[in-house]
């Protein structure tokens, strides 16, 4: 059974989070259209997301083997095992949604830690002639990035101001996921009305986003 992995990178309760509100609407719409998909949710703020250390790797992006793992502390061993689990969960999915706010022109640090956990040799990347190559082009996969921001960012300024969106798109293509869609909740502003209008505008794009999913 193909899987939708919904990754939440926002610590706010869903009822007051623009990105999580739209993310949930998107997830529900996808599941309605593709009932054969299984759904897994990963809340980065409720799950242990290790911060990778040098000692966790035996080589470039390669986690230590079972024997070397025993040389680490129990806490470090748990970190390595969790990193392996997170990566396996990611590789197993076919559709991905990340719901995140824009923070400081980027995204919450915990999302970067998560991405660092899933970049692993022989799972998401390989090195051929010392050059990295993405491995997740083995089957149709679709990645959707849901991002909320207070301001309306002109498209011409997005490469400069929207560094988080650009990075996520680049890293997903780097590991082999070429089908990338964005669902932006821009202009949430400072009032309830502005926020509600931005959410509804983003929800209005959901059907066209779903039409782009490759399974």
N, C-alpha and C. Protein backbone atom coordinates (compact mmCIF):
# COMPACT_ATOMS: atom_id res chain seq x y z
N UNK A 1 0.84 -1.19 0.00
CA UNK A 1 0.00 0.00 0.00
C UNK A 1 0.87 1.25 0.00
N UNK A 2 0.57 2.19 -0.88
CA UNK A 2 1.35 3.42 -0.95
C UNK A 2 0.98 4.33 0.22
N UNK A 3 1.95 5.15 0.62
CA UNK A 3 1.80 5.91 1.86
C UNK A 3 1.95 7.40 1.65
N UNK A 4 1.11 8.14 2.36
CA UNK A 4 1.24 9.59 2.48
C UNK A 4 1.86 9.89 3.83
N UNK A 5 2.99 10.58 3.81
CA UNK A 5 3.68 10.97 5.05
C UNK A 5 3.46 12.46 5.27
N UNK A 6 2.75 12.78 6.34
CA UNK A 6 2.45 14.17 6.69
C UNK A 6 3.38 14.60 7.81
N UNK A 7 4.29 15.53 7.49
CA UNK A 7 5.33 15.97 8.43
C UNK A 7 4.96 17.36 8.93
N UNK A 8 4.82 17.50 10.23
CA UNK A 8 4.38 18.75 10.83
C UNK A 8 5.57 19.43 11.51
N UNK A 9 5.86 20.66 11.06
CA UNK A 9 6.99 21.40 11.62
C UNK A 9 6.50 22.71 12.23
N UNK A 10 5.47 22.60 13.04
CA UNK A 10 4.87 23.78 13.67
C UNK A 10 4.39 23.38 15.05
N UNK A 11 4.80 24.11 16.07
CA UNK A 11 4.45 23.74 17.45
C UNK A 11 3.11 24.30 17.90
N UNK A 12 2.49 25.15 17.10
CA UNK A 12 1.19 25.71 17.47
C UNK A 12 0.10 24.64 17.42
N UNK A 13 -0.94 24.79 18.25
CA UNK A 13 -2.12 23.93 18.07
C UNK A 13 -2.71 24.14 16.68
N UNK A 14 -3.26 23.08 16.12
CA UNK A 14 -3.73 23.15 14.74
C UNK A 14 -4.79 24.23 14.54
N UNK A 15 -5.64 24.45 15.54
CA UNK A 15 -6.75 25.39 15.36
C UNK A 15 -6.29 26.84 15.25
N UNK A 16 -5.04 27.14 15.64
CA UNK A 16 -4.56 28.51 15.50
C UNK A 16 -3.36 28.62 14.55
N UNK A 17 -3.03 27.51 13.91
CA UNK A 17 -1.89 27.49 12.97
C UNK A 17 -2.39 27.53 11.53
N UNK A 18 -1.95 28.49 10.77
CA UNK A 18 -2.35 28.58 9.37
C UNK A 18 -1.80 27.41 8.56
N UNK A 19 -0.52 27.10 8.75
CA UNK A 19 0.09 26.02 7.96
C UNK A 19 -0.53 24.67 8.30
N UNK A 20 -0.82 24.43 9.57
CA UNK A 20 -1.41 23.15 9.97
C UNK A 20 -2.88 23.05 9.57
N UNK A 21 -3.59 24.18 9.58
CA UNK A 21 -4.98 24.18 9.14
C UNK A 21 -5.08 23.82 7.66
N UNK A 22 -4.25 24.47 6.85
CA UNK A 22 -4.26 24.18 5.41
C UNK A 22 -3.67 22.80 5.14
N UNK A 23 -2.62 22.44 5.89
CA UNK A 23 -2.04 21.11 5.73
C UNK A 23 -3.05 20.02 6.00
N UNK A 24 -3.87 20.19 7.05
CA UNK A 24 -4.89 19.19 7.37
C UNK A 24 -5.95 19.12 6.28
N UNK A 25 -6.36 20.27 5.76
CA UNK A 25 -7.34 20.28 4.67
C UNK A 25 -6.79 19.56 3.44
N UNK A 26 -5.50 19.76 3.16
CA UNK A 26 -4.86 19.10 2.02
C UNK A 26 -4.80 17.59 2.25
N UNK A 27 -4.38 17.18 3.43
CA UNK A 27 -4.32 15.75 3.75
C UNK A 27 -5.68 15.10 3.60
N UNK A 28 -6.71 15.72 4.17
CA UNK A 28 -8.05 15.15 4.10
C UNK A 28 -8.54 15.03 2.65
N UNK A 29 -8.23 16.04 1.84
CA UNK A 29 -8.67 16.01 0.44
C UNK A 29 -7.95 14.91 -0.34
N UNK A 30 -6.66 14.74 -0.06
CA UNK A 30 -5.91 13.68 -0.74
C UNK A 30 -6.45 12.31 -0.34
N UNK A 31 -6.71 12.13 0.95
CA UNK A 31 -7.21 10.83 1.41
C UNK A 31 -8.60 10.54 0.85
N UNK A 32 -9.39 11.59 0.66
CA UNK A 32 -10.71 11.40 0.04
C UNK A 32 -10.58 10.94 -1.41
N UNK A 33 -9.62 11.52 -2.11
CA UNK A 33 -9.46 11.17 -3.53
C UNK A 33 -8.73 9.84 -3.71
N UNK A 34 -7.80 9.55 -2.80
CA UNK A 34 -7.01 8.32 -2.90
C UNK A 34 -7.17 7.50 -1.62
N UNK A 35 -8.33 6.87 -1.43
CA UNK A 35 -8.59 6.13 -0.18
C UNK A 35 -7.68 4.92 0.02
N UNK A 36 -7.01 4.49 -1.05
CA UNK A 36 -6.10 3.35 -0.91
C UNK A 36 -4.74 3.75 -0.32
N UNK A 37 -4.50 5.06 -0.20
CA UNK A 37 -3.28 5.51 0.46
C UNK A 37 -3.38 5.26 1.96
N UNK A 38 -2.27 4.88 2.57
CA UNK A 38 -2.21 4.85 4.03
C UNK A 38 -1.60 6.17 4.50
N UNK A 39 -2.01 6.63 5.66
CA UNK A 39 -1.55 7.92 6.18
C UNK A 39 -0.69 7.72 7.41
N UNK A 40 0.48 8.33 7.40
CA UNK A 40 1.33 8.39 8.59
C UNK A 40 1.60 9.85 8.89
N UNK A 41 1.51 10.21 10.16
CA UNK A 41 1.77 11.59 10.57
C UNK A 41 3.00 11.62 11.48
N UNK A 42 3.85 12.61 11.24
CA UNK A 42 5.06 12.78 12.03
C UNK A 42 5.11 14.22 12.50
N UNK A 43 4.84 14.43 13.77
CA UNK A 43 4.91 15.76 14.36
C UNK A 43 6.32 15.94 14.94
N UNK A 44 7.10 16.78 14.31
CA UNK A 44 8.51 16.91 14.71
C UNK A 44 8.66 17.43 16.13
N UNK A 45 7.63 18.08 16.65
CA UNK A 45 7.71 18.61 18.01
C UNK A 45 7.25 17.58 19.05
N UNK A 46 6.66 16.49 18.60
CA UNK A 46 6.23 15.43 19.53
C UNK A 46 7.03 14.15 19.36
N UNK A 47 7.94 14.16 18.42
CA UNK A 47 8.79 12.99 18.15
C UNK A 47 10.24 13.38 18.41
N UNK A 48 11.04 12.43 18.86
CA UNK A 48 12.46 12.74 19.08
C UNK A 48 13.16 12.84 17.73
N UNK A 49 13.68 14.02 17.44
CA UNK A 49 14.44 14.25 16.20
C UNK A 49 15.88 14.52 16.61
N UNK A 50 16.77 13.55 16.43
CA UNK A 50 18.16 13.74 16.86
C UNK A 50 18.86 14.86 16.09
N UNK A 51 19.84 15.43 16.73
CA UNK A 51 20.75 16.35 16.04
C UNK A 51 22.00 15.54 15.72
N UNK A 52 22.21 15.21 14.45
CA UNK A 52 23.31 14.29 14.09
C UNK A 52 24.68 14.78 14.56
N UNK A 53 25.47 13.83 15.09
CA UNK A 53 26.83 14.10 15.53
C UNK A 53 27.82 13.37 14.63
N UNK A 54 29.04 13.84 14.67
CA UNK A 54 30.11 13.19 13.90
C UNK A 54 30.24 11.71 14.27
N UNK A 55 30.10 11.40 15.55
CA UNK A 55 30.30 10.02 16.01
C UNK A 55 29.21 9.07 15.54
N UNK A 56 28.14 9.59 14.97
CA UNK A 56 27.05 8.73 14.51
C UNK A 56 27.31 8.15 13.12
N UNK A 57 28.37 8.61 12.48
CA UNK A 57 28.64 8.21 11.11
C UNK A 57 29.99 7.51 10.98
N UNK A 58 30.02 6.51 10.11
CA UNK A 58 31.27 5.81 9.82
C UNK A 58 31.93 6.37 8.57
N UNK A 59 31.14 7.03 7.73
CA UNK A 59 31.63 7.61 6.48
C UNK A 59 30.63 8.69 6.06
N UNK A 60 30.81 9.24 4.90
CA UNK A 60 29.93 10.31 4.44
C UNK A 60 28.47 9.85 4.43
N UNK A 61 27.68 10.44 5.31
CA UNK A 61 26.24 10.17 5.37
C UNK A 61 25.90 8.70 5.64
N UNK A 62 26.84 7.94 6.17
CA UNK A 62 26.63 6.53 6.46
C UNK A 62 26.65 6.31 7.96
N UNK A 63 25.55 5.84 8.52
CA UNK A 63 25.49 5.59 9.95
C UNK A 63 26.43 4.46 10.35
N UNK A 64 26.89 4.51 11.59
CA UNK A 64 27.80 3.48 12.09
C UNK A 64 27.14 2.11 12.02
N UNK A 65 27.98 1.07 11.86
CA UNK A 65 27.43 -0.28 11.80
C UNK A 65 27.12 -0.80 13.20
N UNK A 66 26.58 -2.00 13.27
CA UNK A 66 26.09 -2.54 14.54
C UNK A 66 27.20 -2.67 15.59
N UNK A 67 28.39 -3.09 15.16
CA UNK A 67 29.48 -3.27 16.13
C UNK A 67 29.98 -1.93 16.66
N UNK A 68 30.13 -0.95 15.77
CA UNK A 68 30.58 0.38 16.21
C UNK A 68 29.51 1.09 17.04
N UNK A 69 28.27 0.74 16.80
CA UNK A 69 27.18 1.34 17.56
C UNK A 69 27.35 1.07 19.06
N UNK A 70 27.90 -0.08 19.38
CA UNK A 70 28.06 -0.47 20.78
C UNK A 70 29.09 0.39 21.51
N UNK A 71 29.92 1.10 20.75
CA UNK A 71 30.92 1.97 21.36
C UNK A 71 30.34 3.31 21.80
N UNK A 72 29.11 3.57 21.41
CA UNK A 72 28.46 4.82 21.76
C UNK A 72 27.70 4.68 23.07
N UNK A 73 27.35 5.81 23.66
CA UNK A 73 26.52 5.77 24.87
C UNK A 73 25.13 5.29 24.50
N UNK A 74 24.38 4.90 25.52
CA UNK A 74 23.02 4.43 25.27
C UNK A 74 22.19 5.53 24.60
N UNK A 75 22.35 6.77 25.04
CA UNK A 75 21.62 7.88 24.42
C UNK A 75 22.00 8.04 22.96
N UNK A 76 23.30 7.93 22.66
CA UNK A 76 23.75 8.06 21.28
C UNK A 76 23.27 6.90 20.42
N UNK A 77 23.26 5.70 20.99
CA UNK A 77 22.74 4.55 20.26
C UNK A 77 21.26 4.76 19.90
N UNK A 78 20.51 5.28 20.85
CA UNK A 78 19.10 5.56 20.59
C UNK A 78 18.93 6.59 19.47
N UNK A 79 19.83 7.59 19.46
CA UNK A 79 19.79 8.60 18.40
C UNK A 79 20.01 7.97 17.03
N UNK A 80 21.03 7.13 16.93
CA UNK A 80 21.35 6.49 15.65
C UNK A 80 20.19 5.61 15.18
N UNK A 81 19.63 4.85 16.10
CA UNK A 81 18.51 3.99 15.74
C UNK A 81 17.30 4.81 15.31
N UNK A 82 17.09 5.94 15.97
CA UNK A 82 15.98 6.81 15.59
C UNK A 82 16.21 7.43 14.21
N UNK A 83 17.45 7.82 13.92
CA UNK A 83 17.76 8.37 12.60
C UNK A 83 17.49 7.34 11.51
N UNK A 84 17.86 6.10 11.77
CA UNK A 84 17.61 5.04 10.80
C UNK A 84 16.11 4.83 10.60
N UNK A 85 15.37 4.86 11.69
CA UNK A 85 13.92 4.68 11.63
C UNK A 85 13.25 5.81 10.84
N UNK A 86 13.66 7.05 11.12
CA UNK A 86 13.08 8.19 10.42
C UNK A 86 13.35 8.13 8.91
N UNK A 87 14.57 7.74 8.56
CA UNK A 87 14.93 7.65 7.15
C UNK A 87 14.13 6.55 6.45
N UNK A 88 14.01 5.39 7.10
CA UNK A 88 13.24 4.29 6.51
C UNK A 88 11.78 4.69 6.30
N UNK A 89 11.23 5.41 7.28
CA UNK A 89 9.85 5.88 7.16
C UNK A 89 9.70 6.81 5.96
N UNK A 90 10.67 7.69 5.77
CA UNK A 90 10.62 8.63 4.65
C UNK A 90 10.72 7.91 3.32
N UNK A 91 11.67 7.01 3.20
CA UNK A 91 11.88 6.28 1.95
C UNK A 91 10.64 5.47 1.58
N UNK A 92 9.93 4.97 2.57
CA UNK A 92 8.79 4.10 2.34
C UNK A 92 7.57 4.84 1.76
N UNK A 93 7.55 6.17 1.87
CA UNK A 93 6.39 6.94 1.43
C UNK A 93 6.45 7.24 -0.07
N UNK A 94 5.29 7.63 -0.61
CA UNK A 94 5.19 8.02 -2.01
C UNK A 94 4.72 9.46 -2.18
N UNK A 95 3.96 9.94 -1.21
CA UNK A 95 3.50 11.33 -1.20
C UNK A 95 3.92 11.95 0.12
N UNK A 96 4.46 13.17 0.05
CA UNK A 96 4.98 13.84 1.23
C UNK A 96 4.35 15.22 1.35
N UNK A 97 3.96 15.58 2.57
CA UNK A 97 3.51 16.93 2.85
C UNK A 97 4.27 17.43 4.06
N UNK A 98 4.86 18.60 3.95
CA UNK A 98 5.42 19.28 5.12
C UNK A 98 4.59 20.54 5.34
N UNK A 99 4.14 20.73 6.58
CA UNK A 99 3.45 21.96 6.96
C UNK A 99 4.37 22.72 7.91
N UNK A 100 4.74 23.94 7.49
CA UNK A 100 5.72 24.71 8.27
C UNK A 100 5.45 26.20 8.13
N UNK A 101 5.73 26.96 9.18
CA UNK A 101 5.70 28.41 9.04
C UNK A 101 7.02 28.91 8.47
N UNK A 102 7.01 30.10 7.90
CA UNK A 102 8.27 30.75 7.55
C UNK A 102 8.79 31.43 8.82
N UNK A 103 10.00 31.07 9.19
CA UNK A 103 10.65 31.68 10.36
C UNK A 103 11.97 32.29 9.91
N UNK A 104 12.15 33.55 10.14
CA UNK A 104 13.43 34.22 9.86
C UNK A 104 13.93 33.93 8.45
N UNK A 105 13.04 34.06 7.48
CA UNK A 105 13.32 33.81 6.07
C UNK A 105 13.54 32.33 5.75
N UNK A 106 13.33 31.46 6.72
CA UNK A 106 13.57 30.04 6.51
C UNK A 106 12.44 29.23 7.17
N UNK A 107 12.81 28.27 7.99
CA UNK A 107 11.83 27.42 8.67
C UNK A 107 12.37 27.05 10.05
N UNK A 108 11.58 26.45 10.93
CA UNK A 108 12.07 26.07 12.25
C UNK A 108 13.27 25.14 12.18
N UNK A 109 14.20 25.32 13.11
CA UNK A 109 15.45 24.54 13.10
C UNK A 109 15.20 23.04 13.17
N UNK A 110 14.13 22.64 13.81
CA UNK A 110 13.86 21.21 13.96
C UNK A 110 13.64 20.54 12.61
N UNK A 111 13.16 21.29 11.64
CA UNK A 111 12.97 20.73 10.30
C UNK A 111 14.32 20.46 9.64
N UNK A 112 15.29 21.34 9.85
CA UNK A 112 16.63 21.10 9.30
C UNK A 112 17.25 19.86 9.95
N UNK A 113 17.07 19.70 11.27
CA UNK A 113 17.57 18.50 11.93
C UNK A 113 16.94 17.25 11.32
N UNK A 114 15.65 17.31 11.05
CA UNK A 114 14.97 16.16 10.45
C UNK A 114 15.54 15.84 9.07
N UNK A 115 15.71 16.87 8.26
CA UNK A 115 16.26 16.65 6.92
C UNK A 115 17.66 16.05 7.01
N UNK A 116 18.47 16.53 7.96
CA UNK A 116 19.81 15.97 8.14
C UNK A 116 19.73 14.50 8.54
N UNK A 117 18.68 14.11 9.25
CA UNK A 117 18.53 12.71 9.65
C UNK A 117 18.22 11.80 8.47
N UNK A 118 17.49 12.30 7.48
CA UNK A 118 17.05 11.42 6.39
C UNK A 118 18.00 11.41 5.20
N UNK A 119 19.03 12.24 5.22
CA UNK A 119 20.03 12.18 4.15
C UNK A 119 21.06 11.12 4.53
N UNK A 120 20.84 9.90 4.04
CA UNK A 120 21.68 8.77 4.41
C UNK A 120 22.12 8.00 3.17
N UNK A 121 23.38 7.63 3.17
CA UNK A 121 23.94 6.88 2.05
C UNK A 121 23.26 5.52 1.93
N UNK A 122 23.03 5.13 0.70
CA UNK A 122 22.40 3.87 0.31
C UNK A 122 20.93 3.81 0.67
N UNK A 123 20.39 4.90 1.18
CA UNK A 123 18.94 4.97 1.43
C UNK A 123 18.32 6.09 0.61
N UNK A 124 18.82 7.30 0.78
CA UNK A 124 18.29 8.43 -0.01
C UNK A 124 19.31 8.97 -1.00
N UNK A 125 20.59 8.71 -0.76
CA UNK A 125 21.62 9.13 -1.70
C UNK A 125 22.67 8.03 -1.85
N UNK A 126 23.45 8.12 -2.91
CA UNK A 126 24.59 7.24 -3.11
C UNK A 126 25.72 8.08 -3.66
N UNK A 127 26.92 7.59 -3.51
CA UNK A 127 28.10 8.29 -4.03
C UNK A 127 28.70 7.47 -5.17
N UNK A 128 28.66 8.05 -6.37
CA UNK A 128 29.24 7.42 -7.54
C UNK A 128 30.40 8.28 -8.03
N UNK A 129 31.58 7.69 -8.08
CA UNK A 129 32.79 8.45 -8.43
C UNK A 129 32.91 9.68 -7.53
N UNK A 130 32.59 9.47 -6.27
CA UNK A 130 32.69 10.51 -5.24
C UNK A 130 31.69 11.65 -5.42
N UNK A 131 30.67 11.42 -6.28
CA UNK A 131 29.64 12.44 -6.48
C UNK A 131 28.31 11.92 -5.94
N UNK A 132 27.56 12.76 -5.21
CA UNK A 132 26.28 12.31 -4.66
C UNK A 132 25.21 12.19 -5.73
N UNK A 133 24.37 11.19 -5.56
CA UNK A 133 23.28 10.95 -6.51
C UNK A 133 22.04 10.54 -5.72
N UNK A 134 20.91 11.17 -6.01
CA UNK A 134 19.67 10.85 -5.32
C UNK A 134 19.15 9.48 -5.70
N UNK A 135 18.56 8.79 -4.72
CA UNK A 135 18.05 7.44 -4.95
C UNK A 135 16.52 7.37 -5.00
N UNK A 136 15.84 8.48 -4.69
CA UNK A 136 14.39 8.41 -4.59
C UNK A 136 13.67 8.72 -5.91
N UNK A 137 14.37 8.47 -7.00
CA UNK A 137 13.74 8.57 -8.33
C UNK A 137 13.36 7.19 -8.83
N UNK A 138 13.26 6.23 -7.90
CA UNK A 138 12.99 4.83 -8.25
C UNK A 138 11.53 4.58 -8.58
N UNK A 139 10.65 5.47 -8.17
CA UNK A 139 9.21 5.33 -8.45
C UNK A 139 8.57 6.71 -8.35
N UNK A 140 7.33 6.86 -8.83
CA UNK A 140 6.68 8.18 -8.72
C UNK A 140 6.55 8.63 -7.27
N UNK A 141 6.99 9.82 -7.00
CA UNK A 141 6.88 10.42 -5.66
C UNK A 141 6.51 11.89 -5.85
N UNK A 142 5.70 12.40 -4.95
CA UNK A 142 5.29 13.80 -5.00
C UNK A 142 5.50 14.44 -3.65
N UNK A 143 6.11 15.61 -3.65
CA UNK A 143 6.38 16.35 -2.42
C UNK A 143 5.62 17.68 -2.46
N UNK A 144 4.90 17.98 -1.39
CA UNK A 144 4.13 19.22 -1.30
C UNK A 144 4.55 19.98 -0.05
N UNK A 145 4.99 21.21 -0.25
CA UNK A 145 5.44 22.04 0.86
C UNK A 145 4.39 23.08 1.16
N UNK A 146 3.81 23.01 2.35
CA UNK A 146 2.79 23.95 2.80
C UNK A 146 3.46 24.94 3.75
N UNK A 147 3.44 26.20 3.40
CA UNK A 147 4.14 27.20 4.20
C UNK A 147 3.27 28.43 4.43
N UNK A 148 3.24 28.89 5.66
CA UNK A 148 2.52 30.12 5.99
C UNK A 148 3.52 31.24 6.25
N UNK A 149 3.12 32.46 5.88
CA UNK A 149 3.96 33.62 6.16
C UNK A 149 3.06 34.83 6.35
N UNK A 150 3.50 35.75 7.17
CA UNK A 150 2.70 36.92 7.50
C UNK A 150 2.55 37.90 6.35
N UNK A 151 3.56 37.96 5.49
CA UNK A 151 3.57 38.95 4.42
C UNK A 151 3.24 38.32 3.08
N UNK A 152 2.83 39.14 2.15
CA UNK A 152 2.70 38.74 0.75
C UNK A 152 4.03 39.02 0.06
N UNK A 153 4.74 37.99 -0.30
CA UNK A 153 6.07 38.16 -0.88
C UNK A 153 5.95 38.17 -2.40
N UNK A 154 6.34 39.24 -3.07
CA UNK A 154 6.31 39.27 -4.53
C UNK A 154 7.16 38.14 -5.11
N UNK A 155 6.69 37.55 -6.20
CA UNK A 155 7.40 36.41 -6.77
C UNK A 155 8.85 36.74 -7.10
N UNK A 156 9.09 37.97 -7.50
CA UNK A 156 10.46 38.34 -7.87
C UNK A 156 11.40 38.36 -6.67
N UNK A 157 10.83 38.47 -5.46
CA UNK A 157 11.64 38.52 -4.24
C UNK A 157 11.76 37.16 -3.55
N UNK A 158 11.01 36.17 -4.01
CA UNK A 158 11.01 34.88 -3.34
C UNK A 158 12.39 34.22 -3.30
N UNK A 159 13.19 34.28 -4.37
CA UNK A 159 14.52 33.68 -4.27
C UNK A 159 15.38 34.29 -3.18
N UNK A 160 15.12 35.55 -2.84
CA UNK A 160 15.92 36.24 -1.83
C UNK A 160 15.33 36.06 -0.44
N UNK A 161 14.01 36.16 -0.34
CA UNK A 161 13.37 36.19 0.98
C UNK A 161 12.83 34.84 1.42
N UNK A 162 12.55 33.95 0.49
CA UNK A 162 11.93 32.67 0.85
C UNK A 162 12.95 31.54 0.78
N UNK A 163 13.97 31.64 1.58
CA UNK A 163 15.09 30.70 1.51
C UNK A 163 14.68 29.30 1.96
N UNK A 164 13.72 29.20 2.88
CA UNK A 164 13.28 27.88 3.35
C UNK A 164 12.63 27.08 2.24
N UNK A 165 11.71 27.72 1.52
CA UNK A 165 11.04 27.05 0.40
C UNK A 165 12.06 26.61 -0.64
N UNK A 166 12.98 27.49 -0.99
CA UNK A 166 13.98 27.16 -2.00
C UNK A 166 14.86 26.00 -1.56
N UNK A 167 15.24 26.01 -0.28
CA UNK A 167 16.10 24.93 0.23
C UNK A 167 15.38 23.59 0.18
N UNK A 168 14.13 23.56 0.66
CA UNK A 168 13.40 22.29 0.69
C UNK A 168 13.23 21.74 -0.72
N UNK A 169 12.88 22.61 -1.66
CA UNK A 169 12.75 22.14 -3.05
C UNK A 169 14.08 21.60 -3.57
N UNK A 170 15.16 22.30 -3.31
CA UNK A 170 16.47 21.87 -3.79
C UNK A 170 16.88 20.54 -3.17
N UNK A 171 16.65 20.37 -1.87
CA UNK A 171 17.10 19.15 -1.20
C UNK A 171 16.26 17.95 -1.63
N UNK A 172 14.98 18.17 -1.89
CA UNK A 172 14.15 17.05 -2.35
C UNK A 172 14.55 16.62 -3.76
N UNK A 173 14.85 17.58 -4.60
CA UNK A 173 15.32 17.22 -5.94
C UNK A 173 16.70 16.56 -5.87
N UNK A 174 17.50 16.99 -4.92
CA UNK A 174 18.82 16.40 -4.72
C UNK A 174 18.73 14.91 -4.39
N UNK A 175 17.72 14.51 -3.61
CA UNK A 175 17.59 13.10 -3.27
C UNK A 175 16.72 12.33 -4.26
N UNK A 176 16.25 13.01 -5.30
CA UNK A 176 15.59 12.30 -6.39
C UNK A 176 14.10 12.53 -6.54
N UNK A 177 13.51 13.39 -5.69
CA UNK A 177 12.08 13.65 -5.81
C UNK A 177 11.89 14.89 -6.69
N UNK A 178 11.59 14.66 -7.95
CA UNK A 178 11.53 15.77 -8.91
C UNK A 178 10.17 16.47 -8.91
N UNK A 179 9.12 15.77 -8.49
CA UNK A 179 7.77 16.35 -8.49
C UNK A 179 7.57 17.12 -7.19
N UNK A 180 7.69 18.44 -7.28
CA UNK A 180 7.61 19.31 -6.10
C UNK A 180 6.54 20.35 -6.32
N UNK A 181 5.63 20.45 -5.36
CA UNK A 181 4.56 21.44 -5.42
C UNK A 181 4.60 22.30 -4.16
N UNK A 182 4.20 23.55 -4.29
CA UNK A 182 4.16 24.44 -3.14
C UNK A 182 2.73 24.93 -2.92
N UNK A 183 2.33 24.99 -1.67
CA UNK A 183 1.02 25.53 -1.30
C UNK A 183 1.28 26.59 -0.24
N UNK A 184 1.29 27.84 -0.66
CA UNK A 184 1.71 28.94 0.20
C UNK A 184 0.51 29.69 0.77
N UNK A 185 0.57 29.93 2.07
CA UNK A 185 -0.45 30.73 2.75
C UNK A 185 0.21 32.06 3.05
N UNK A 186 0.25 32.92 2.06
CA UNK A 186 0.91 34.22 2.20
C UNK A 186 -0.07 35.26 2.73
N UNK A 187 0.48 36.23 3.45
CA UNK A 187 -0.34 37.36 3.88
C UNK A 187 -1.28 37.05 5.02
N UNK A 188 -0.85 36.19 5.98
CA UNK A 188 -1.70 35.91 7.13
C UNK A 188 -1.84 37.14 8.02
N UNK A 189 -0.92 38.11 7.85
CA UNK A 189 -1.06 39.42 8.47
C UNK A 189 -1.10 39.42 9.98
N UNK A 190 -1.86 40.38 10.53
CA UNK A 190 -1.93 40.57 11.98
C UNK A 190 -3.35 40.53 12.52
N UNK A 191 -4.33 40.40 11.63
CA UNK A 191 -5.72 40.38 12.09
C UNK A 191 -6.37 39.04 11.76
N UNK A 192 -7.45 38.75 12.45
CA UNK A 192 -8.19 37.51 12.21
C UNK A 192 -8.71 37.47 10.77
N UNK A 193 -9.16 38.59 10.27
CA UNK A 193 -9.69 38.65 8.90
C UNK A 193 -8.60 38.34 7.89
N UNK A 194 -7.44 38.96 8.05
CA UNK A 194 -6.33 38.70 7.11
C UNK A 194 -5.94 37.22 7.12
N UNK A 195 -5.86 36.66 8.31
CA UNK A 195 -5.48 35.25 8.44
C UNK A 195 -6.52 34.35 7.78
N UNK A 196 -7.80 34.60 8.05
CA UNK A 196 -8.87 33.78 7.50
C UNK A 196 -8.89 33.86 5.97
N UNK A 197 -8.70 35.04 5.44
CA UNK A 197 -8.69 35.22 3.98
C UNK A 197 -7.52 34.49 3.34
N UNK A 198 -6.36 34.56 3.99
CA UNK A 198 -5.18 33.87 3.46
C UNK A 198 -5.37 32.36 3.47
N UNK A 199 -5.96 31.84 4.54
CA UNK A 199 -6.22 30.40 4.63
C UNK A 199 -7.20 29.95 3.55
N UNK A 200 -8.27 30.69 3.38
CA UNK A 200 -9.28 30.30 2.38
C UNK A 200 -8.71 30.39 0.97
N UNK A 201 -7.89 31.38 0.73
CA UNK A 201 -7.26 31.51 -0.60
C UNK A 201 -6.38 30.30 -0.88
N UNK A 202 -5.61 29.87 0.13
CA UNK A 202 -4.74 28.70 -0.04
C UNK A 202 -5.56 27.43 -0.23
N UNK A 203 -6.62 27.28 0.54
CA UNK A 203 -7.48 26.10 0.39
C UNK A 203 -8.05 26.01 -1.02
N UNK A 204 -8.29 27.17 -1.63
CA UNK A 204 -8.82 27.19 -2.98
C UNK A 204 -7.88 26.60 -4.02
N UNK A 205 -6.62 26.43 -3.66
CA UNK A 205 -5.62 25.87 -4.58
C UNK A 205 -5.44 24.36 -4.40
N UNK A 206 -6.11 23.79 -3.39
CA UNK A 206 -5.87 22.39 -3.05
C UNK A 206 -6.20 21.44 -4.20
N UNK A 207 -7.33 21.62 -4.85
CA UNK A 207 -7.72 20.70 -5.92
C UNK A 207 -6.70 20.69 -7.05
N UNK A 208 -6.17 21.85 -7.41
CA UNK A 208 -5.19 21.90 -8.49
C UNK A 208 -3.87 21.26 -8.06
N UNK A 209 -3.53 21.37 -6.78
CA UNK A 209 -2.33 20.70 -6.27
C UNK A 209 -2.50 19.19 -6.33
N UNK A 210 -3.67 18.71 -5.91
CA UNK A 210 -3.92 17.26 -5.91
C UNK A 210 -3.84 16.69 -7.32
N UNK A 211 -4.27 17.46 -8.30
CA UNK A 211 -4.23 17.00 -9.69
C UNK A 211 -2.80 16.75 -10.16
N UNK A 212 -1.81 17.31 -9.46
CA UNK A 212 -0.41 17.14 -9.85
C UNK A 212 0.25 15.93 -9.22
N UNK A 213 -0.45 15.27 -8.30
CA UNK A 213 0.15 14.14 -7.60
C UNK A 213 0.39 12.98 -8.55
N UNK A 214 1.57 12.41 -8.44
CA UNK A 214 1.94 11.23 -9.23
C UNK A 214 2.00 10.01 -8.31
N UNK A 215 1.28 8.96 -8.67
CA UNK A 215 1.27 7.73 -7.89
C UNK A 215 1.54 6.53 -8.77
